Amino acid sequence: MKLNLANILTLFRIAAIPIVVVCFYSQMPNARPIAAILFGIAAITDLIDGWVARRYGQTSRFGEFLDPVADKLMVSIVLVMLVQAEASWFEDVIAMIIIGREITISALREWMATIGERANVKVSMAGKIKTTLQMFGIAFMVYHNDLFGIPIYTVGFVLLVLAAIMTIWSMIIYLKAAWPFIVSDQEPSE
């Protein structure tokens, strides 16, 4: 494994998770805003690490494996924290949709790779929009406090609802692309 800037940024995202968790549950003043800012910085590294990897030729198998793991861990863990902190069935349903989709699409990509068709379920623009809405929505909900009179939690909640809609839409796009392979009676070529 070659440690480069792209991989360091991805590892930072994973290392930030326990710090976000500790801040989120801390009783210190401004703990949730600090957790939200750290989450936001970690989310931004997701954009930067991919750009750095492509721009400077730092792509690696390790990075290709770790990048989606870091994203899914960060989103899933923080969504679970939000569900635990906010006693609303609607947040629960949104978290179920987002986490369920991530599991489904990860399994679909893994299966498509085993049959040599991974390129048919590569990241789409709908998936990128979903991720952007999701990251901003989660960060704002973690922040929780009003900012300059703006109800940041509510803004985050609306963004997360939009992310859930895009989550379903992007899942449909991926499943539609994979459907011919799913229903095919042919055995994958060896």
N, C-alpha and C. Protein backbone atom coordinates (compact mmCIF):
# COMPACT_ATOMS: atom_id res chain seq x y z
N MET A 1 0.84 -1.18 0.00
CA MET A 1 0.00 0.00 0.00
C MET A 1 0.89 1.24 0.00
N LYS A 2 0.58 2.12 -0.92
CA LYS A 2 1.33 3.37 -1.03
C LYS A 2 0.51 4.47 -0.37
N LEU A 3 1.09 5.10 0.66
CA LEU A 3 0.39 6.18 1.34
C LEU A 3 0.66 7.48 0.59
N ASN A 4 -0.41 8.08 0.07
CA ASN A 4 -0.29 9.34 -0.65
C ASN A 4 -1.33 10.32 -0.10
N LEU A 5 -1.37 11.54 -0.63
CA LEU A 5 -2.27 12.56 -0.12
C LEU A 5 -3.73 12.13 -0.23
N ALA A 6 -4.11 11.53 -1.35
CA ALA A 6 -5.49 11.09 -1.53
C ALA A 6 -5.89 10.08 -0.45
N ASN A 7 -5.02 9.12 -0.19
CA ASN A 7 -5.32 8.11 0.84
C ASN A 7 -5.30 8.70 2.24
N ILE A 8 -4.42 9.66 2.48
CA ILE A 8 -4.38 10.33 3.79
C ILE A 8 -5.69 11.06 4.05
N LEU A 9 -6.23 11.73 3.02
CA LEU A 9 -7.52 12.42 3.17
C LEU A 9 -8.64 11.43 3.48
N THR A 10 -8.62 10.28 2.84
CA THR A 10 -9.63 9.25 3.10
C THR A 10 -9.48 8.72 4.52
N LEU A 11 -8.25 8.47 4.95
CA LEU A 11 -8.01 8.00 6.31
C LEU A 11 -8.43 9.06 7.34
N PHE A 12 -8.25 10.34 7.00
CA PHE A 12 -8.71 11.42 7.88
C PHE A 12 -10.21 11.32 8.09
N ARG A 13 -10.94 11.02 7.02
CA ARG A 13 -12.40 10.91 7.11
C ARG A 13 -12.79 9.82 8.10
N ILE A 14 -12.09 8.72 8.07
CA ILE A 14 -12.39 7.62 9.00
C ILE A 14 -11.99 8.02 10.42
N ALA A 15 -10.83 8.66 10.56
CA ALA A 15 -10.36 9.08 11.89
C ALA A 15 -11.27 10.14 12.49
N ALA A 16 -11.93 10.93 11.66
CA ALA A 16 -12.82 11.98 12.16
C ALA A 16 -14.10 11.43 12.79
N ILE A 17 -14.49 10.22 12.39
CA ILE A 17 -15.77 9.66 12.87
C ILE A 17 -15.85 9.60 14.39
N PRO A 18 -14.90 8.98 15.10
CA PRO A 18 -15.03 8.93 16.56
C PRO A 18 -15.00 10.32 17.21
N ILE A 19 -14.29 11.25 16.60
CA ILE A 19 -14.26 12.61 17.16
C ILE A 19 -15.61 13.28 17.00
N VAL A 20 -16.25 13.08 15.84
CA VAL A 20 -17.60 13.61 15.63
C VAL A 20 -18.56 13.00 16.65
N VAL A 21 -18.45 11.71 16.88
CA VAL A 21 -19.33 11.02 17.84
C VAL A 21 -19.13 11.60 19.24
N VAL A 22 -17.89 11.73 19.68
CA VAL A 22 -17.61 12.26 21.02
C VAL A 22 -18.15 13.68 21.15
N CYS A 23 -17.89 14.51 20.15
CA CYS A 23 -18.40 15.90 20.20
C CYS A 23 -19.93 15.92 20.22
N PHE A 24 -20.55 15.09 19.41
CA PHE A 24 -22.02 15.06 19.32
C PHE A 24 -22.65 14.79 20.69
N TYR A 25 -22.08 13.86 21.43
CA TYR A 25 -22.64 13.47 22.71
C TYR A 25 -22.08 14.27 23.89
N SER A 26 -21.09 15.10 23.64
CA SER A 26 -20.46 15.86 24.71
C SER A 26 -21.41 16.91 25.29
N GLN A 27 -21.19 17.22 26.54
CA GLN A 27 -21.97 18.25 27.21
C GLN A 27 -21.29 19.61 27.16
N MET A 28 -20.12 19.69 26.53
CA MET A 28 -19.41 20.96 26.47
C MET A 28 -20.19 21.95 25.60
N PRO A 29 -20.00 23.24 25.83
CA PRO A 29 -20.70 24.24 25.02
C PRO A 29 -20.33 24.10 23.54
N ASN A 30 -21.31 24.27 22.69
CA ASN A 30 -21.13 24.22 21.23
C ASN A 30 -20.63 22.86 20.72
N ALA A 31 -20.90 21.82 21.45
CA ALA A 31 -20.43 20.49 21.05
C ALA A 31 -21.01 20.08 19.70
N ARG A 32 -22.32 20.26 19.52
CA ARG A 32 -22.94 19.84 18.26
C ARG A 32 -22.44 20.69 17.09
N PRO A 33 -22.33 22.02 17.23
CA PRO A 33 -21.75 22.77 16.12
C PRO A 33 -20.32 22.33 15.78
N ILE A 34 -19.52 22.02 16.79
CA ILE A 34 -18.16 21.54 16.53
C ILE A 34 -18.22 20.20 15.79
N ALA A 35 -19.10 19.31 16.21
CA ALA A 35 -19.26 18.02 15.53
C ALA A 35 -19.67 18.24 14.07
N ALA A 36 -20.59 19.19 13.85
CA ALA A 36 -21.07 19.46 12.49
C ALA A 36 -19.96 20.02 11.61
N ILE A 37 -19.16 20.91 12.16
CA ILE A 37 -18.06 21.50 11.38
C ILE A 37 -17.04 20.43 11.03
N LEU A 38 -16.71 19.56 11.97
CA LEU A 38 -15.78 18.46 11.70
C LEU A 38 -16.36 17.51 10.65
N PHE A 39 -17.65 17.20 10.78
CA PHE A 39 -18.32 16.36 9.78
C PHE A 39 -18.23 17.03 8.40
N GLY A 40 -18.48 18.34 8.35
CA GLY A 40 -18.42 19.06 7.09
C GLY A 40 -17.03 19.04 6.47
N ILE A 41 -16.02 19.23 7.30
CA ILE A 41 -14.64 19.17 6.80
C ILE A 41 -14.34 17.77 6.25
N ALA A 42 -14.77 16.76 6.99
CA ALA A 42 -14.55 15.38 6.53
C ALA A 42 -15.29 15.13 5.21
N ALA A 43 -16.51 15.66 5.09
CA ALA A 43 -17.29 15.48 3.86
C ALA A 43 -16.59 16.15 2.67
N ILE A 44 -16.01 17.31 2.91
CA ILE A 44 -15.29 18.02 1.84
C ILE A 44 -14.08 17.22 1.38
N THR A 45 -13.44 16.50 2.31
CA THR A 45 -12.27 15.70 1.90
C THR A 45 -12.67 14.61 0.92
N ASP A 46 -13.96 14.23 0.92
CA ASP A 46 -14.43 13.23 -0.06
C ASP A 46 -14.31 13.78 -1.47
N LEU A 47 -14.62 15.05 -1.65
CA LEU A 47 -14.46 15.67 -2.97
C LEU A 47 -13.00 15.84 -3.32
N ILE A 48 -12.23 16.27 -2.33
CA ILE A 48 -10.82 16.60 -2.58
C ILE A 48 -10.00 15.35 -2.86
N ASP A 49 -10.24 14.25 -2.11
CA ASP A 49 -9.38 13.07 -2.30
C ASP A 49 -9.54 12.48 -3.70
N GLY A 50 -10.76 12.47 -4.21
CA GLY A 50 -10.97 11.96 -5.58
C GLY A 50 -10.29 12.83 -6.62
N TRP A 51 -10.39 14.14 -6.44
CA TRP A 51 -9.75 15.07 -7.37
C TRP A 51 -8.23 14.91 -7.32
N VAL A 52 -7.68 14.86 -6.10
CA VAL A 52 -6.24 14.70 -5.94
C VAL A 52 -5.77 13.40 -6.58
N ALA A 53 -6.52 12.33 -6.34
CA ALA A 53 -6.12 11.02 -6.89
C ALA A 53 -6.07 11.05 -8.42
N ARG A 54 -7.09 11.65 -9.03
CA ARG A 54 -7.12 11.71 -10.50
C ARG A 54 -6.10 12.71 -11.04
N ARG A 55 -6.03 13.87 -10.45
CA ARG A 55 -5.18 14.96 -10.95
C ARG A 55 -3.70 14.62 -10.85
N TYR A 56 -3.31 13.98 -9.76
CA TYR A 56 -1.89 13.71 -9.52
C TYR A 56 -1.52 12.23 -9.66
N GLY A 57 -2.39 11.47 -10.28
CA GLY A 57 -2.09 10.06 -10.53
C GLY A 57 -1.89 9.26 -9.26
N GLN A 58 -2.71 9.56 -8.23
CA GLN A 58 -2.57 8.87 -6.96
C GLN A 58 -3.67 7.82 -6.75
N THR A 59 -4.28 7.37 -7.83
CA THR A 59 -5.29 6.33 -7.67
C THR A 59 -4.59 5.04 -7.25
N SER A 60 -5.28 4.27 -6.42
CA SER A 60 -4.73 3.01 -5.95
C SER A 60 -5.87 2.07 -5.60
N ARG A 61 -5.56 0.80 -5.56
CA ARG A 61 -6.58 -0.18 -5.14
C ARG A 61 -7.03 0.09 -3.71
N PHE A 62 -6.07 0.44 -2.87
CA PHE A 62 -6.39 0.75 -1.48
C PHE A 62 -7.37 1.93 -1.41
N GLY A 63 -7.10 2.98 -2.15
CA GLY A 63 -7.98 4.14 -2.18
C GLY A 63 -9.35 3.83 -2.76
N GLU A 64 -9.38 3.04 -3.84
CA GLU A 64 -10.66 2.66 -4.44
C GLU A 64 -11.51 1.84 -3.49
N PHE A 65 -10.86 1.03 -2.66
CA PHE A 65 -11.59 0.26 -1.65
C PHE A 65 -12.03 1.15 -0.49
N LEU A 66 -11.09 1.93 0.04
CA LEU A 66 -11.33 2.66 1.28
C LEU A 66 -12.27 3.86 1.13
N ASP A 67 -12.24 4.54 -0.02
CA ASP A 67 -13.05 5.75 -0.20
C ASP A 67 -14.54 5.49 0.03
N PRO A 68 -15.15 4.52 -0.63
CA PRO A 68 -16.59 4.30 -0.38
C PRO A 68 -16.86 3.78 1.04
N VAL A 69 -15.92 3.04 1.60
CA VAL A 69 -16.09 2.56 2.98
C VAL A 69 -16.14 3.75 3.94
N ALA A 70 -15.21 4.69 3.76
CA ALA A 70 -15.17 5.88 4.61
C ALA A 70 -16.47 6.66 4.52
N ASP A 71 -16.97 6.84 3.30
CA ASP A 71 -18.21 7.59 3.11
C ASP A 71 -19.39 6.91 3.80
N LYS A 72 -19.52 5.63 3.58
CA LYS A 72 -20.66 4.89 4.13
C LYS A 72 -20.60 4.81 5.65
N LEU A 73 -19.41 4.62 6.18
CA LEU A 73 -19.26 4.61 7.64
C LEU A 73 -19.66 5.96 8.24
N MET A 74 -19.13 7.02 7.65
CA MET A 74 -19.39 8.36 8.18
C MET A 74 -20.89 8.67 8.14
N VAL A 75 -21.52 8.45 7.01
CA VAL A 75 -22.95 8.76 6.86
C VAL A 75 -23.79 7.87 7.76
N SER A 76 -23.55 6.58 7.75
CA SER A 76 -24.38 5.66 8.54
C SER A 76 -24.28 5.92 10.04
N ILE A 77 -23.07 6.12 10.52
CA ILE A 77 -22.88 6.35 11.96
C ILE A 77 -23.56 7.64 12.39
N VAL A 78 -23.39 8.70 11.63
CA VAL A 78 -23.99 9.98 12.02
C VAL A 78 -25.51 9.93 11.86
N LEU A 79 -26.02 9.24 10.86
CA LEU A 79 -27.48 9.09 10.75
C LEU A 79 -28.05 8.35 11.96
N VAL A 80 -27.37 7.31 12.41
CA VAL A 80 -27.82 6.58 13.59
C VAL A 80 -27.82 7.49 14.81
N MET A 81 -26.80 8.32 14.94
CA MET A 81 -26.77 9.27 16.06
C MET A 81 -27.94 10.24 15.99
N LEU A 82 -28.23 10.75 14.81
CA LEU A 82 -29.36 11.68 14.66
C LEU A 82 -30.69 11.01 14.99
N VAL A 83 -30.86 9.78 14.54
CA VAL A 83 -32.09 9.04 14.83
C VAL A 83 -32.24 8.85 16.34
N GLN A 84 -31.14 8.53 16.99
CA GLN A 84 -31.17 8.33 18.44
C GLN A 84 -31.48 9.62 19.17
N ALA A 85 -30.98 10.74 18.68
CA ALA A 85 -31.14 12.02 19.36
C ALA A 85 -32.51 12.66 19.10
N GLU A 86 -33.09 12.39 17.94
CA GLU A 86 -34.37 13.01 17.57
C GLU A 86 -35.45 11.92 17.52
N ALA A 87 -36.41 12.03 18.41
CA ALA A 87 -37.46 11.00 18.51
C ALA A 87 -38.59 11.26 17.52
N SER A 88 -38.30 11.13 16.23
CA SER A 88 -39.31 11.32 15.20
C SER A 88 -39.25 10.17 14.21
N TRP A 89 -40.39 9.60 13.91
CA TRP A 89 -40.42 8.47 12.98
C TRP A 89 -39.96 8.89 11.60
N PHE A 90 -40.13 10.16 11.26
CA PHE A 90 -39.76 10.60 9.92
C PHE A 90 -38.24 10.55 9.72
N GLU A 91 -37.47 10.98 10.73
CA GLU A 91 -36.02 10.86 10.65
C GLU A 91 -35.62 9.39 10.55
N ASP A 92 -36.34 8.54 11.28
CA ASP A 92 -36.05 7.11 11.24
C ASP A 92 -36.22 6.56 9.82
N VAL A 93 -37.33 6.92 9.18
CA VAL A 93 -37.62 6.42 7.83
C VAL A 93 -36.56 6.92 6.84
N ILE A 94 -36.19 8.18 6.96
CA ILE A 94 -35.16 8.72 6.06
C ILE A 94 -33.84 7.97 6.24
N ALA A 95 -33.46 7.73 7.48
CA ALA A 95 -32.22 6.98 7.76
C ALA A 95 -32.31 5.57 7.19
N MET A 96 -33.47 4.93 7.34
CA MET A 96 -33.64 3.58 6.79
C MET A 96 -33.49 3.58 5.28
N ILE A 97 -34.08 4.57 4.62
CA ILE A 97 -33.98 4.67 3.16
C ILE A 97 -32.52 4.84 2.74
N ILE A 98 -31.83 5.78 3.37
CA ILE A 98 -30.45 6.07 2.97
C ILE A 98 -29.52 4.90 3.27
N ILE A 99 -29.59 4.35 4.47
CA ILE A 99 -28.72 3.23 4.83
C ILE A 99 -29.08 1.98 4.01
N GLY A 100 -30.38 1.73 3.84
CA GLY A 100 -30.81 0.59 3.04
C GLY A 100 -30.33 0.67 1.61
N ARG A 101 -30.39 1.85 1.03
CA ARG A 101 -29.91 2.05 -0.34
C ARG A 101 -28.41 1.79 -0.42
N GLU A 102 -27.66 2.30 0.56
CA GLU A 102 -26.21 2.11 0.53
C GLU A 102 -25.85 0.63 0.57
N ILE A 103 -26.55 -0.13 1.40
CA ILE A 103 -26.29 -1.57 1.47
C ILE A 103 -26.65 -2.24 0.15
N THR A 104 -27.81 -1.88 -0.39
CA THR A 104 -28.28 -2.47 -1.65
C THR A 104 -27.32 -2.19 -2.80
N ILE A 105 -26.93 -0.93 -2.96
CA ILE A 105 -26.06 -0.56 -4.08
C ILE A 105 -24.65 -1.12 -3.89
N SER A 106 -24.17 -1.18 -2.66
CA SER A 106 -22.86 -1.80 -2.43
C SER A 106 -22.89 -3.27 -2.83
N ALA A 107 -23.94 -3.96 -2.43
CA ALA A 107 -24.08 -5.38 -2.81
C ALA A 107 -24.22 -5.53 -4.32
N LEU A 108 -24.99 -4.64 -4.94
CA LEU A 108 -25.18 -4.70 -6.39
C LEU A 108 -23.85 -4.49 -7.11
N ARG A 109 -23.08 -3.49 -6.67
CA ARG A 109 -21.78 -3.23 -7.31
C ARG A 109 -20.83 -4.41 -7.13
N GLU A 110 -20.85 -4.99 -5.93
CA GLU A 110 -19.98 -6.15 -5.69
C GLU A 110 -20.38 -7.31 -6.61
N TRP A 111 -21.68 -7.57 -6.71
CA TRP A 111 -22.15 -8.67 -7.57
C TRP A 111 -21.83 -8.38 -9.03
N MET A 112 -22.08 -7.14 -9.47
CA MET A 112 -21.80 -6.79 -10.86
C MET A 112 -20.30 -6.95 -11.16
N ALA A 113 -19.45 -6.66 -10.19
CA ALA A 113 -18.01 -6.83 -10.39
C ALA A 113 -17.67 -8.31 -10.57
N THR A 114 -18.36 -9.19 -9.83
CA THR A 114 -18.07 -10.62 -9.95
C THR A 114 -18.45 -11.18 -11.32
N ILE A 115 -19.39 -10.51 -11.99
CA ILE A 115 -19.76 -10.99 -13.33
C ILE A 115 -19.12 -10.14 -14.44
N GLY A 116 -18.19 -9.24 -14.02
CA GLY A 116 -17.45 -8.44 -14.98
C GLY A 116 -18.22 -7.27 -15.57
N GLU A 117 -19.25 -6.83 -14.88
CA GLU A 117 -20.09 -5.74 -15.41
C GLU A 117 -20.14 -4.54 -14.48
N ARG A 118 -19.14 -4.34 -13.66
CA ARG A 118 -19.11 -3.23 -12.69
C ARG A 118 -19.30 -1.87 -13.34
N ALA A 119 -18.80 -1.69 -14.54
CA ALA A 119 -18.89 -0.40 -15.23
C ALA A 119 -20.34 0.01 -15.47
N ASN A 120 -21.25 -0.93 -15.49
CA ASN A 120 -22.67 -0.62 -15.72
C ASN A 120 -23.34 0.05 -14.52
N VAL A 121 -22.70 0.00 -13.34
CA VAL A 121 -23.27 0.62 -12.14
C VAL A 121 -22.26 1.59 -11.51
N LYS A 122 -21.53 2.29 -12.36
CA LYS A 122 -20.60 3.30 -11.84
C LYS A 122 -21.39 4.49 -11.31
N VAL A 123 -20.72 5.32 -10.54
CA VAL A 123 -21.37 6.47 -9.91
C VAL A 123 -21.97 7.37 -10.98
N SER A 124 -23.24 7.74 -10.76
CA SER A 124 -23.95 8.60 -11.71
C SER A 124 -24.08 10.01 -11.14
N MET A 125 -24.55 10.93 -11.98
CA MET A 125 -24.78 12.30 -11.53
C MET A 125 -25.85 12.32 -10.44
N ALA A 126 -26.87 11.47 -10.57
CA ALA A 126 -27.91 11.41 -9.54
C ALA A 126 -27.31 11.00 -8.20
N GLY A 127 -26.35 10.08 -8.23
CA GLY A 127 -25.67 9.66 -7.01
C GLY A 127 -24.85 10.78 -6.40
N LYS A 128 -24.22 11.59 -7.25
CA LYS A 128 -23.42 12.71 -6.75
C LYS A 128 -24.31 13.79 -6.13
N ILE A 129 -25.45 14.05 -6.76
CA ILE A 129 -26.40 15.02 -6.21
C ILE A 129 -26.92 14.52 -4.87
N LYS A 130 -27.25 13.24 -4.81
CA LYS A 130 -27.72 12.63 -3.56
C LYS A 130 -26.69 12.80 -2.46
N THR A 131 -25.44 12.53 -2.77
CA THR A 131 -24.38 12.64 -1.77
C THR A 131 -24.22 14.07 -1.29
N THR A 132 -24.26 15.03 -2.19
CA THR A 132 -24.13 16.44 -1.81
C THR A 132 -25.26 16.87 -0.88
N LEU A 133 -26.51 16.57 -1.27
CA LEU A 133 -27.66 16.91 -0.43
C LEU A 133 -27.55 16.23 0.94
N GLN A 134 -27.15 14.99 0.92
CA GLN A 134 -27.03 14.20 2.14
C GLN A 134 -25.99 14.79 3.08
N MET A 135 -24.83 15.14 2.57
CA MET A 135 -23.76 15.66 3.42
C MET A 135 -24.14 17.01 4.03
N PHE A 136 -24.70 17.90 3.22
CA PHE A 136 -25.13 19.19 3.76
C PHE A 136 -26.27 18.99 4.76
N GLY A 137 -27.24 18.15 4.40
CA GLY A 137 -28.37 17.92 5.30
C GLY A 137 -27.94 17.36 6.64
N ILE A 138 -27.08 16.36 6.62
CA ILE A 138 -26.61 15.76 7.87
C ILE A 138 -25.82 16.78 8.68
N ALA A 139 -24.92 17.51 8.03
CA ALA A 139 -24.11 18.50 8.75
C ALA A 139 -25.00 19.54 9.42
N PHE A 140 -26.01 20.03 8.71
CA PHE A 140 -26.91 21.03 9.29
C PHE A 140 -27.72 20.45 10.44
N MET A 141 -28.16 19.21 10.30
CA MET A 141 -28.93 18.59 11.39
C MET A 141 -28.05 18.34 12.61
N VAL A 142 -26.82 17.98 12.39
CA VAL A 142 -25.90 17.80 13.52
C VAL A 142 -25.64 19.15 14.18
N TYR A 143 -25.48 20.20 13.39
CA TYR A 143 -25.24 21.55 13.93
C TYR A 143 -26.37 21.94 14.88
N HIS A 144 -27.59 21.70 14.46
CA HIS A 144 -28.81 21.79 15.26
C HIS A 144 -29.24 23.21 15.63
N ASN A 145 -28.34 24.08 16.02
CA ASN A 145 -28.70 25.42 16.50
C ASN A 145 -29.06 26.35 15.35
N ASP A 146 -29.94 27.29 15.63
CA ASP A 146 -30.22 28.33 14.64
C ASP A 146 -28.95 29.15 14.42
N LEU A 147 -28.79 29.66 13.20
CA LEU A 147 -27.62 30.45 12.87
C LEU A 147 -28.10 31.70 12.13
N PHE A 148 -27.84 32.87 12.71
CA PHE A 148 -28.29 34.14 12.14
C PHE A 148 -29.81 34.13 11.90
N GLY A 149 -30.53 33.51 12.81
CA GLY A 149 -31.98 33.44 12.71
C GLY A 149 -32.50 32.39 11.74
N ILE A 150 -31.60 31.64 11.12
CA ILE A 150 -32.00 30.60 10.17
C ILE A 150 -32.10 29.28 10.93
N PRO A 151 -33.24 28.58 10.81
CA PRO A 151 -33.39 27.29 11.50
C PRO A 151 -32.58 26.20 10.80
N ILE A 152 -31.32 26.12 11.15
CA ILE A 152 -30.37 25.23 10.47
C ILE A 152 -30.82 23.76 10.48
N TYR A 153 -31.37 23.31 11.62
CA TYR A 153 -31.84 21.92 11.69
C TYR A 153 -32.92 21.68 10.65
N THR A 154 -33.86 22.60 10.53
CA THR A 154 -34.96 22.45 9.57
C THR A 154 -34.44 22.46 8.14
N VAL A 155 -33.50 23.36 7.86
CA VAL A 155 -32.89 23.39 6.52
C VAL A 155 -32.22 22.05 6.24
N GLY A 156 -31.49 21.53 7.22
CA GLY A 156 -30.84 20.23 7.06
C GLY A 156 -31.84 19.11 6.85
N PHE A 157 -32.94 19.17 7.59
CA PHE A 157 -33.98 18.15 7.46
C PHE A 157 -34.57 18.17 6.04
N VAL A 158 -34.85 19.36 5.52
CA VAL A 158 -35.38 19.48 4.15
C VAL A 158 -34.37 18.92 3.15
N LEU A 159 -33.09 19.26 3.32
CA LEU A 159 -32.05 18.73 2.43
C LEU A 159 -31.97 17.21 2.52
N LEU A 160 -32.14 16.67 3.73
CA LEU A 160 -32.08 15.22 3.89
C LEU A 160 -33.30 14.54 3.27
N VAL A 161 -34.46 15.19 3.33
CA VAL A 161 -35.64 14.65 2.64
C VAL A 161 -35.37 14.62 1.13
N LEU A 162 -34.81 15.71 0.60
CA LEU A 162 -34.46 15.74 -0.83
C LEU A 162 -33.42 14.66 -1.15
N ALA A 163 -32.46 14.46 -0.23
CA ALA A 163 -31.45 13.41 -0.42
C ALA A 163 -32.11 12.03 -0.44
N ALA A 164 -33.11 11.83 0.42
CA ALA A 164 -33.82 10.54 0.43
C ALA A 164 -34.55 10.31 -0.89
N ILE A 165 -35.13 11.36 -1.44
CA ILE A 165 -35.79 11.24 -2.75
C ILE A 165 -34.76 10.89 -3.82
N MET A 166 -33.63 11.60 -3.81
CA MET A 166 -32.56 11.31 -4.77
C MET A 166 -31.95 9.92 -4.53
N THR A 167 -31.97 9.49 -3.27
CA THR A 167 -31.48 8.16 -2.92
C THR A 167 -32.31 7.09 -3.64
N ILE A 168 -33.62 7.25 -3.56
CA ILE A 168 -34.52 6.30 -4.24
C ILE A 168 -34.34 6.39 -5.74
N TRP A 169 -34.29 7.62 -6.27
CA TRP A 169 -34.13 7.82 -7.70
C TRP A 169 -32.82 7.21 -8.21
N SER A 170 -31.72 7.47 -7.52
CA SER A 170 -30.44 6.93 -7.98
C SER A 170 -30.41 5.41 -7.87
N MET A 171 -31.07 4.87 -6.84
CA MET A 171 -31.13 3.41 -6.72
C MET A 171 -31.89 2.81 -7.89
N ILE A 172 -32.98 3.46 -8.30
CA ILE A 172 -33.74 2.99 -9.46
C ILE A 172 -32.86 3.00 -10.71
N ILE A 173 -32.07 4.07 -10.88
CA ILE A 173 -31.16 4.16 -12.04
C ILE A 173 -30.17 3.00 -12.04
N TYR A 174 -29.55 2.74 -10.87
CA TYR A 174 -28.59 1.64 -10.79
C TYR A 174 -29.25 0.28 -11.02
N LEU A 175 -30.41 0.07 -10.42
CA LEU A 175 -31.10 -1.21 -10.59
C LEU A 175 -31.57 -1.40 -12.03
N LYS A 176 -32.00 -0.32 -12.66
CA LYS A 176 -32.41 -0.40 -14.07
C LYS A 176 -31.23 -0.81 -14.95
N ALA A 177 -30.06 -0.23 -14.69
CA ALA A 177 -28.86 -0.58 -15.46
C ALA A 177 -28.46 -2.04 -15.23
N ALA A 178 -28.67 -2.52 -14.02
CA ALA A 178 -28.25 -3.89 -13.69
C ALA A 178 -29.32 -4.93 -14.00
N TRP A 179 -30.55 -4.50 -14.18
CA TRP A 179 -31.68 -5.44 -14.32
C TRP A 179 -31.46 -6.51 -15.38
N PRO A 180 -30.99 -6.18 -16.59
CA PRO A 180 -30.79 -7.24 -17.59
C PRO A 180 -29.84 -8.34 -17.11
N PHE A 181 -28.86 -7.98 -16.29
CA PHE A 181 -27.92 -8.96 -15.77
C PHE A 181 -28.54 -9.76 -14.62
N ILE A 182 -29.41 -9.12 -13.86
CA ILE A 182 -30.06 -9.78 -12.73
C ILE A 182 -31.01 -10.87 -13.21
N VAL A 183 -31.78 -10.57 -14.26
CA VAL A 183 -32.80 -11.52 -14.72
C VAL A 183 -32.29 -12.50 -15.77
N SER A 184 -31.04 -12.30 -16.21
CA SER A 184 -30.47 -13.20 -17.21
C SER A 184 -30.29 -14.59 -16.63
N ASP A 185 -30.63 -15.59 -17.44
CA ASP A 185 -30.45 -16.98 -17.01
C ASP A 185 -29.04 -17.50 -17.34
N GLN A 186 -28.25 -16.67 -17.98
CA GLN A 186 -26.90 -17.08 -18.34
C GLN A 186 -26.02 -17.09 -17.11
N GLU A 187 -25.16 -18.06 -17.07
CA GLU A 187 -24.13 -18.09 -16.02
C GLU A 187 -23.04 -17.11 -16.40
N PRO A 188 -22.45 -16.43 -15.42
CA PRO A 188 -21.35 -15.52 -15.75
C PRO A 188 -20.20 -16.29 -16.39
N SER A 189 -19.51 -15.65 -17.33
CA SER A 189 -18.39 -16.31 -17.98
C SER A 189 -17.22 -16.42 -17.01
N GLU A 190 -16.53 -17.50 -17.09
CA GLU A 190 -15.42 -17.77 -16.17
C GLU A 190 -14.14 -17.23 -16.71
